[in-house]
Amino acid sequence: MHHAKKEEKVVGDIADTKSVVVTSDYIYFSSLSVSTLKKRASMISTISKLDDYAEELE
């Protein structure tokens, strides 16, 4: 954590933190709860699996 802070790879306000997301590049403090993040990740996964027919509507 200390090393990440020195390299400015910590994102977010620790005061509002409800969850922490750790990636290979950054550490994110999030004001969203873990369950909200899981729901949003699930939604993104579902949306990415949908076929895109937008061009056919034009």
N, C-alpha and C. Protein backbone atom coordinates (compact mmCIF):
# COMPACT_ATOMS: atom_id res chain seq x y z
N MET A 1 0.82 -1.18 0.00
CA MET A 1 0.00 0.00 0.00
C MET A 1 0.87 1.25 0.00
N HIS A 2 1.86 1.24 0.86
CA HIS A 2 2.76 2.40 0.94
C HIS A 2 3.47 2.62 -0.41
N HIS A 3 3.92 1.54 -1.01
CA HIS A 3 4.61 1.61 -2.30
C HIS A 3 3.67 2.16 -3.38
N ALA A 4 2.43 1.71 -3.39
CA ALA A 4 1.45 2.18 -4.38
C ALA A 4 1.16 3.66 -4.19
N LYS A 5 1.07 4.11 -2.97
CA LYS A 5 0.84 5.54 -2.71
C LYS A 5 2.00 6.38 -3.21
N LYS A 6 3.22 5.92 -2.99
CA LYS A 6 4.39 6.65 -3.45
C LYS A 6 4.40 6.78 -4.96
N GLU A 7 3.92 5.76 -5.66
CA GLU A 7 3.89 5.78 -7.12
C GLU A 7 2.58 6.35 -7.66
N GLU A 8 1.77 6.93 -6.79
CA GLU A 8 0.49 7.54 -7.16
C GLU A 8 -0.41 6.55 -7.91
N LYS A 9 -0.49 5.34 -7.39
CA LYS A 9 -1.33 4.31 -7.99
C LYS A 9 -2.49 3.94 -7.09
N VAL A 10 -2.87 4.88 -6.21
CA VAL A 10 -4.02 4.69 -5.34
C VAL A 10 -5.06 5.73 -5.77
N VAL A 11 -6.27 5.25 -6.06
CA VAL A 11 -7.33 6.12 -6.57
C VAL A 11 -8.51 6.10 -5.62
N GLY A 12 -9.06 7.27 -5.31
CA GLY A 12 -10.26 7.36 -4.50
C GLY A 12 -10.00 7.91 -3.11
N ASP A 13 -11.09 8.27 -2.47
CA ASP A 13 -11.03 8.87 -1.14
C ASP A 13 -11.24 7.79 -0.08
N ILE A 14 -10.29 7.63 0.79
CA ILE A 14 -10.35 6.59 1.81
C ILE A 14 -11.48 6.85 2.81
N ALA A 15 -11.89 8.10 2.97
CA ALA A 15 -12.93 8.45 3.94
C ALA A 15 -14.29 7.86 3.56
N ASP A 16 -14.57 7.77 2.25
CA ASP A 16 -15.87 7.28 1.77
C ASP A 16 -15.86 5.79 1.43
N THR A 17 -14.78 5.12 1.69
CA THR A 17 -14.58 3.76 1.20
C THR A 17 -15.52 2.73 1.81
N LYS A 18 -16.19 1.99 0.90
CA LYS A 18 -17.00 0.84 1.30
C LYS A 18 -16.39 -0.45 0.75
N SER A 19 -15.53 -0.30 -0.27
CA SER A 19 -14.86 -1.47 -0.85
C SER A 19 -13.54 -1.04 -1.45
N VAL A 20 -12.67 -2.02 -1.66
CA VAL A 20 -11.36 -1.78 -2.26
C VAL A 20 -11.20 -2.75 -3.42
N VAL A 21 -10.79 -2.21 -4.56
CA VAL A 21 -10.54 -3.03 -5.75
C VAL A 21 -9.05 -2.97 -6.03
N VAL A 22 -8.42 -4.13 -6.07
CA VAL A 22 -6.98 -4.20 -6.31
C VAL A 22 -6.75 -4.83 -7.67
N THR A 23 -6.04 -4.09 -8.54
CA THR A 23 -5.68 -4.62 -9.85
C THR A 23 -4.16 -4.72 -9.91
N SER A 24 -3.64 -5.21 -11.01
CA SER A 24 -2.20 -5.33 -11.13
C SER A 24 -1.52 -3.96 -11.24
N ASP A 25 -2.29 -2.94 -11.62
CA ASP A 25 -1.71 -1.61 -11.78
C ASP A 25 -2.09 -0.60 -10.71
N TYR A 26 -3.32 -0.68 -10.19
CA TYR A 26 -3.82 0.33 -9.27
C TYR A 26 -4.58 -0.29 -8.10
N ILE A 27 -4.77 0.52 -7.07
CA ILE A 27 -5.63 0.19 -5.94
C ILE A 27 -6.72 1.26 -5.92
N TYR A 28 -7.98 0.83 -5.99
CA TYR A 28 -9.11 1.75 -6.04
C TYR A 28 -9.91 1.66 -4.75
N PHE A 29 -10.12 2.81 -4.10
CA PHE A 29 -11.03 2.89 -2.96
C PHE A 29 -12.37 3.34 -3.54
N SER A 30 -13.41 2.57 -3.31
CA SER A 30 -14.71 2.86 -3.90
C SER A 30 -15.74 3.16 -2.82
N SER A 31 -16.61 4.11 -3.13
CA SER A 31 -17.71 4.43 -2.22
C SER A 31 -18.90 3.50 -2.46
N LEU A 32 -18.78 2.62 -3.46
CA LEU A 32 -19.83 1.64 -3.74
C LEU A 32 -19.60 0.38 -2.92
N SER A 33 -20.68 -0.25 -2.51
CA SER A 33 -20.55 -1.48 -1.73
C SER A 33 -20.12 -2.63 -2.64
N VAL A 34 -19.62 -3.67 -2.04
CA VAL A 34 -19.19 -4.85 -2.79
C VAL A 34 -20.36 -5.43 -3.59
N SER A 35 -21.54 -5.50 -2.99
CA SER A 35 -22.69 -6.07 -3.70
C SER A 35 -23.07 -5.21 -4.92
N THR A 36 -22.97 -3.90 -4.81
CA THR A 36 -23.25 -3.02 -5.95
C THR A 36 -22.24 -3.24 -7.06
N LEU A 37 -20.97 -3.35 -6.70
CA LEU A 37 -19.94 -3.60 -7.71
C LEU A 37 -20.15 -4.94 -8.40
N LYS A 38 -20.54 -5.96 -7.65
CA LYS A 38 -20.80 -7.27 -8.23
C LYS A 38 -21.97 -7.20 -9.21
N LYS A 39 -23.04 -6.49 -8.83
CA LYS A 39 -24.20 -6.36 -9.71
C LYS A 39 -23.82 -5.64 -11.00
N ARG A 40 -23.05 -4.57 -10.88
CA ARG A 40 -22.65 -3.81 -12.07
C ARG A 40 -21.73 -4.63 -12.97
N ALA A 41 -20.83 -5.38 -12.37
CA ALA A 41 -19.95 -6.24 -13.16
C ALA A 41 -20.76 -7.30 -13.90
N SER A 42 -21.77 -7.83 -13.24
CA SER A 42 -22.64 -8.82 -13.87
C SER A 42 -23.41 -8.19 -15.02
N MET A 43 -23.89 -6.96 -14.84
CA MET A 43 -24.62 -6.27 -15.90
C MET A 43 -23.73 -6.04 -17.10
N ILE A 44 -22.50 -5.62 -16.87
CA ILE A 44 -21.56 -5.37 -17.97
C ILE A 44 -21.27 -6.66 -18.72
N SER A 45 -21.10 -7.74 -17.98
CA SER A 45 -20.86 -9.04 -18.60
C SER A 45 -22.04 -9.45 -19.47
N THR A 46 -23.25 -9.25 -18.97
CA THR A 46 -24.45 -9.61 -19.72
C THR A 46 -24.59 -8.74 -20.96
N ILE A 47 -24.37 -7.45 -20.81
CA ILE A 47 -24.49 -6.52 -21.94
C ILE A 47 -23.47 -6.85 -23.01
N SER A 48 -22.26 -7.21 -22.63
CA SER A 48 -21.22 -7.51 -23.61
C SER A 48 -21.53 -8.77 -24.40
N LYS A 49 -22.38 -9.63 -23.87
CA LYS A 49 -22.76 -10.86 -24.57
C LYS A 49 -23.91 -10.65 -25.55
N LEU A 50 -24.57 -9.51 -25.45
CA LEU A 50 -25.69 -9.23 -26.35
C LEU A 50 -25.18 -8.90 -27.74
N ASP A 51 -25.95 -9.27 -28.74
CA ASP A 51 -25.60 -8.91 -30.11
C ASP A 51 -25.93 -7.45 -30.34
N ASP A 52 -25.12 -6.77 -31.14
CA ASP A 52 -25.34 -5.36 -31.43
C ASP A 52 -26.02 -5.24 -32.79
N TYR A 53 -27.27 -4.80 -32.75
CA TYR A 53 -28.06 -4.63 -33.96
C TYR A 53 -28.27 -3.15 -34.28
N ALA A 54 -27.52 -2.26 -33.66
CA ALA A 54 -27.71 -0.84 -33.83
C ALA A 54 -27.55 -0.40 -35.28
N GLU A 55 -26.57 -0.96 -35.98
CA GLU A 55 -26.35 -0.58 -37.38
C GLU A 55 -27.51 -0.97 -38.27
N GLU A 56 -28.19 -2.05 -37.94
CA GLU A 56 -29.31 -2.51 -38.75
C GLU A 56 -30.52 -1.59 -38.60
N LEU A 57 -30.61 -0.83 -37.52
CA LEU A 57 -31.74 0.05 -37.28
C LEU A 57 -31.63 1.38 -38.03
N GLU A 58 -30.43 1.70 -38.50
CA GLU A 58 -30.22 2.99 -39.18
C GLU A 58 -30.73 2.98 -40.59
